[in-house]
Amino acid sequence: METREHKIKRLTMRSMRRGIKEMDLILMRYAQDKLSGMSDEALSHYDALLNENDQDLYQWCSGQIPPATEFTDLIADIKVHIAERF
């Protein structure tokens, strides 16, 4: 079983190496600031988000299209984080 510490490190690395530079920047900062404070359930949900296509993620985070229903709250949190950090 994966330890919490290892999961956070893995998710941080996955956040930094996306494919679209904008998503690298957005998710890297989000991961650095938020992952350690997330519950195990929230970490698993974030892990599922990282399985989504980068083009979709970028359009969700930039408000071009609405996010998939299961990620609405998480994308909203990422958007607030973007507004605070950039």
N, C-alpha and C. Protein backbone atom coordinates (compact mmCIF):
# COMPACT_ATOMS: atom_id res chain seq x y z
N MET A 1 0.84 -1.19 0.00
CA MET A 1 0.00 0.00 0.00
C MET A 1 0.89 1.25 0.00
N GLU A 2 0.48 2.22 -0.75
CA GLU A 2 1.24 3.46 -0.88
C GLU A 2 1.07 4.32 0.38
N THR A 3 2.18 4.81 0.90
CA THR A 3 2.09 5.69 2.06
C THR A 3 1.57 7.06 1.62
N ARG A 4 1.03 7.79 2.57
CA ARG A 4 0.53 9.14 2.29
C ARG A 4 1.64 10.03 1.76
N GLU A 5 2.81 9.96 2.39
CA GLU A 5 3.94 10.77 1.97
C GLU A 5 4.33 10.47 0.52
N HIS A 6 4.38 9.19 0.18
CA HIS A 6 4.74 8.80 -1.18
C HIS A 6 3.68 9.27 -2.17
N LYS A 7 2.41 9.15 -1.80
CA LYS A 7 1.32 9.57 -2.68
C LYS A 7 1.42 11.07 -2.97
N ILE A 8 1.69 11.86 -1.95
CA ILE A 8 1.82 13.31 -2.13
C ILE A 8 3.00 13.62 -3.06
N LYS A 9 4.10 12.95 -2.87
CA LYS A 9 5.26 13.16 -3.75
C LYS A 9 4.93 12.76 -5.19
N ARG A 10 4.26 11.63 -5.36
CA ARG A 10 3.90 11.16 -6.69
C ARG A 10 2.95 12.14 -7.38
N LEU A 11 1.95 12.60 -6.65
CA LEU A 11 1.00 13.54 -7.22
C LEU A 11 1.65 14.89 -7.54
N THR A 12 2.58 15.30 -6.71
CA THR A 12 3.31 16.55 -6.98
C THR A 12 4.10 16.41 -8.27
N MET A 13 4.79 15.29 -8.45
CA MET A 13 5.55 15.08 -9.67
C MET A 13 4.64 15.02 -10.89
N ARG A 14 3.51 14.34 -10.77
CA ARG A 14 2.56 14.27 -11.89
C ARG A 14 1.98 15.65 -12.21
N SER A 15 1.87 16.49 -11.21
CA SER A 15 1.37 17.85 -11.42
C SER A 15 2.37 18.72 -12.17
N MET A 16 3.64 18.42 -12.01
CA MET A 16 4.71 19.22 -12.60
C MET A 16 5.05 18.79 -14.03
N ARG A 17 4.69 17.60 -14.40
CA ARG A 17 5.08 17.07 -15.71
C ARG A 17 3.85 16.69 -16.50
N ARG A 18 3.15 17.68 -16.98
CA ARG A 18 1.88 17.44 -17.64
C ARG A 18 2.05 17.25 -19.15
N GLY A 19 2.40 18.26 -19.85
CA GLY A 19 2.45 18.21 -21.31
C GLY A 19 2.16 19.58 -21.87
N ILE A 20 1.35 20.32 -21.15
CA ILE A 20 1.07 21.71 -21.50
C ILE A 20 1.73 22.56 -20.41
N LYS A 21 2.60 23.44 -20.81
CA LYS A 21 3.37 24.24 -19.84
C LYS A 21 2.47 24.99 -18.87
N GLU A 22 1.36 25.53 -19.37
CA GLU A 22 0.45 26.26 -18.50
C GLU A 22 -0.09 25.36 -17.38
N MET A 23 -0.41 24.12 -17.74
CA MET A 23 -0.91 23.19 -16.73
C MET A 23 0.19 22.79 -15.76
N ASP A 24 1.43 22.69 -16.25
CA ASP A 24 2.56 22.43 -15.35
C ASP A 24 2.61 23.50 -14.27
N LEU A 25 2.53 24.76 -14.68
CA LEU A 25 2.63 25.88 -13.74
C LEU A 25 1.45 25.92 -12.78
N ILE A 26 0.25 25.78 -13.31
CA ILE A 26 -0.95 25.84 -12.49
C ILE A 26 -0.97 24.71 -11.47
N LEU A 27 -0.80 23.48 -11.94
CA LEU A 27 -0.92 22.33 -11.05
C LEU A 27 0.27 22.15 -10.14
N MET A 28 1.45 22.55 -10.59
CA MET A 28 2.64 22.47 -9.73
C MET A 28 2.43 23.34 -8.49
N ARG A 29 2.01 24.56 -8.70
CA ARG A 29 1.80 25.48 -7.57
C ARG A 29 0.65 25.01 -6.68
N TYR A 30 -0.40 24.54 -7.32
CA TYR A 30 -1.54 24.03 -6.55
C TYR A 30 -1.09 22.85 -5.68
N ALA A 31 -0.38 21.93 -6.27
CA ALA A 31 0.09 20.74 -5.53
C ALA A 31 0.99 21.14 -4.37
N GLN A 32 1.92 22.03 -4.62
CA GLN A 32 2.86 22.46 -3.58
C GLN A 32 2.13 23.11 -2.41
N ASP A 33 1.10 23.86 -2.71
CA ASP A 33 0.38 24.60 -1.67
C ASP A 33 -0.72 23.80 -0.98
N LYS A 34 -1.32 22.84 -1.67
CA LYS A 34 -2.54 22.22 -1.17
C LYS A 34 -2.47 20.75 -0.78
N LEU A 35 -1.64 19.97 -1.46
CA LEU A 35 -1.74 18.51 -1.27
C LEU A 35 -1.50 18.05 0.16
N SER A 36 -0.54 18.62 0.83
CA SER A 36 -0.23 18.14 2.19
C SER A 36 -1.39 18.37 3.16
N GLY A 37 -2.27 19.31 2.87
CA GLY A 37 -3.41 19.58 3.74
C GLY A 37 -4.68 18.84 3.35
N MET A 38 -4.62 18.06 2.28
CA MET A 38 -5.80 17.34 1.81
C MET A 38 -6.02 16.04 2.57
N SER A 39 -7.27 15.64 2.67
CA SER A 39 -7.59 14.33 3.24
C SER A 39 -7.17 13.25 2.24
N ASP A 40 -7.14 12.02 2.71
CA ASP A 40 -6.80 10.90 1.82
C ASP A 40 -7.81 10.80 0.67
N GLU A 41 -9.07 11.02 0.98
CA GLU A 41 -10.11 10.98 -0.04
C GLU A 41 -9.89 12.09 -1.08
N ALA A 42 -9.55 13.27 -0.63
CA ALA A 42 -9.30 14.39 -1.55
C ALA A 42 -8.07 14.12 -2.41
N LEU A 43 -7.06 13.49 -1.84
CA LEU A 43 -5.87 13.14 -2.62
C LEU A 43 -6.23 12.14 -3.73
N SER A 44 -7.07 11.18 -3.41
CA SER A 44 -7.50 10.21 -4.42
C SER A 44 -8.31 10.89 -5.52
N HIS A 45 -9.11 11.86 -5.14
CA HIS A 45 -9.90 12.60 -6.12
C HIS A 45 -8.98 13.43 -7.03
N TYR A 46 -7.98 14.06 -6.44
CA TYR A 46 -6.99 14.82 -7.22
C TYR A 46 -6.23 13.89 -8.16
N ASP A 47 -5.90 12.70 -7.67
CA ASP A 47 -5.23 11.69 -8.50
C ASP A 47 -6.09 11.36 -9.73
N ALA A 48 -7.39 11.21 -9.52
CA ALA A 48 -8.30 10.94 -10.64
C ALA A 48 -8.32 12.12 -11.62
N LEU A 49 -8.28 13.34 -11.10
CA LEU A 49 -8.25 14.52 -11.97
C LEU A 49 -7.02 14.50 -12.86
N LEU A 50 -5.88 14.08 -12.32
CA LEU A 50 -4.65 14.06 -13.09
C LEU A 50 -4.68 13.04 -14.23
N ASN A 51 -5.63 12.14 -14.20
CA ASN A 51 -5.79 11.18 -15.30
C ASN A 51 -6.53 11.78 -16.49
N GLU A 52 -7.09 12.96 -16.31
CA GLU A 52 -7.82 13.62 -17.38
C GLU A 52 -6.85 14.21 -18.40
N ASN A 53 -7.35 14.42 -19.60
CA ASN A 53 -6.57 14.99 -20.70
C ASN A 53 -6.18 16.44 -20.38
N ASP A 54 -4.95 16.80 -20.69
CA ASP A 54 -4.46 18.15 -20.42
C ASP A 54 -5.27 19.24 -21.12
N GLN A 55 -5.69 18.96 -22.34
CA GLN A 55 -6.49 19.96 -23.06
C GLN A 55 -7.79 20.24 -22.32
N ASP A 56 -8.42 19.18 -21.81
CA ASP A 56 -9.65 19.36 -21.04
C ASP A 56 -9.36 20.11 -19.74
N LEU A 57 -8.31 19.70 -19.05
CA LEU A 57 -7.95 20.37 -17.80
C LEU A 57 -7.72 21.87 -18.01
N TYR A 58 -7.00 22.20 -19.05
CA TYR A 58 -6.72 23.60 -19.32
C TYR A 58 -8.01 24.36 -19.61
N GLN A 59 -8.88 23.78 -20.41
CA GLN A 59 -10.14 24.46 -20.72
C GLN A 59 -11.03 24.59 -19.49
N TRP A 60 -11.00 23.60 -18.61
CA TRP A 60 -11.77 23.69 -17.36
C TRP A 60 -11.21 24.79 -16.47
N CYS A 61 -9.89 24.78 -16.30
CA CYS A 61 -9.25 25.75 -15.39
C CYS A 61 -9.32 27.18 -15.92
N SER A 62 -9.33 27.33 -17.22
CA SER A 62 -9.39 28.67 -17.82
C SER A 62 -10.82 29.14 -18.03
N GLY A 63 -11.80 28.29 -17.73
CA GLY A 63 -13.20 28.67 -17.85
C GLY A 63 -13.74 28.61 -19.27
N GLN A 64 -13.00 28.01 -20.18
CA GLN A 64 -13.46 27.92 -21.58
C GLN A 64 -14.64 26.97 -21.72
N ILE A 65 -14.62 25.90 -20.94
CA ILE A 65 -15.74 24.95 -20.92
C ILE A 65 -15.96 24.52 -19.47
N PRO A 66 -17.18 24.12 -19.13
CA PRO A 66 -17.42 23.66 -17.76
C PRO A 66 -16.73 22.32 -17.51
N PRO A 67 -16.27 22.12 -16.29
CA PRO A 67 -15.60 20.85 -15.97
C PRO A 67 -16.59 19.70 -15.90
N ALA A 68 -16.04 18.50 -16.01
CA ALA A 68 -16.85 17.30 -15.77
C ALA A 68 -17.45 17.41 -14.36
N THR A 69 -18.67 16.98 -14.21
CA THR A 69 -19.42 17.14 -12.97
C THR A 69 -18.64 16.67 -11.74
N GLU A 70 -17.95 15.54 -11.85
CA GLU A 70 -17.25 14.99 -10.68
C GLU A 70 -16.07 15.85 -10.25
N PHE A 71 -15.64 16.78 -11.11
CA PHE A 71 -14.50 17.63 -10.77
C PHE A 71 -14.86 19.10 -10.56
N THR A 72 -16.15 19.42 -10.53
CA THR A 72 -16.57 20.82 -10.42
C THR A 72 -15.96 21.52 -9.21
N ASP A 73 -16.06 20.92 -8.03
CA ASP A 73 -15.55 21.56 -6.82
C ASP A 73 -14.03 21.67 -6.83
N LEU A 74 -13.36 20.64 -7.30
CA LEU A 74 -11.90 20.66 -7.34
C LEU A 74 -11.40 21.71 -8.33
N ILE A 75 -12.01 21.79 -9.49
CA ILE A 75 -11.62 22.80 -10.48
C ILE A 75 -11.90 24.19 -9.93
N ALA A 76 -13.01 24.37 -9.23
CA ALA A 76 -13.31 25.67 -8.61
C ALA A 76 -12.22 26.05 -7.62
N ASP A 77 -11.74 25.10 -6.84
CA ASP A 77 -10.66 25.37 -5.88
C ASP A 77 -9.37 25.73 -6.61
N ILE A 78 -9.08 25.04 -7.68
CA ILE A 78 -7.88 25.34 -8.47
C ILE A 78 -7.99 26.74 -9.07
N LYS A 79 -9.17 27.11 -9.56
CA LYS A 79 -9.37 28.44 -10.14
C LYS A 79 -9.18 29.54 -9.09
N VAL A 80 -9.67 29.32 -7.88
CA VAL A 80 -9.46 30.28 -6.79
C VAL A 80 -7.97 30.40 -6.50
N HIS A 81 -7.29 29.28 -6.48
CA HIS A 81 -5.85 29.26 -6.23
C HIS A 81 -5.11 30.03 -7.31
N ILE A 82 -5.51 29.85 -8.57
CA ILE A 82 -4.89 30.58 -9.68
C ILE A 82 -5.05 32.09 -9.45
N ALA A 83 -6.27 32.49 -9.10
CA ALA A 83 -6.56 33.92 -8.91
C ALA A 83 -5.72 34.51 -7.79
N GLU A 84 -5.48 33.72 -6.75
CA GLU A 84 -4.69 34.20 -5.60
C GLU A 84 -3.20 34.24 -5.89
N ARG A 85 -2.73 33.33 -6.74
CA ARG A 85 -1.28 33.18 -6.97
C ARG A 85 -0.75 33.94 -8.16
N PHE A 86 -1.58 34.21 -9.17
CA PHE A 86 -1.07 34.81 -10.40
C PHE A 86 -1.48 36.25 -10.53
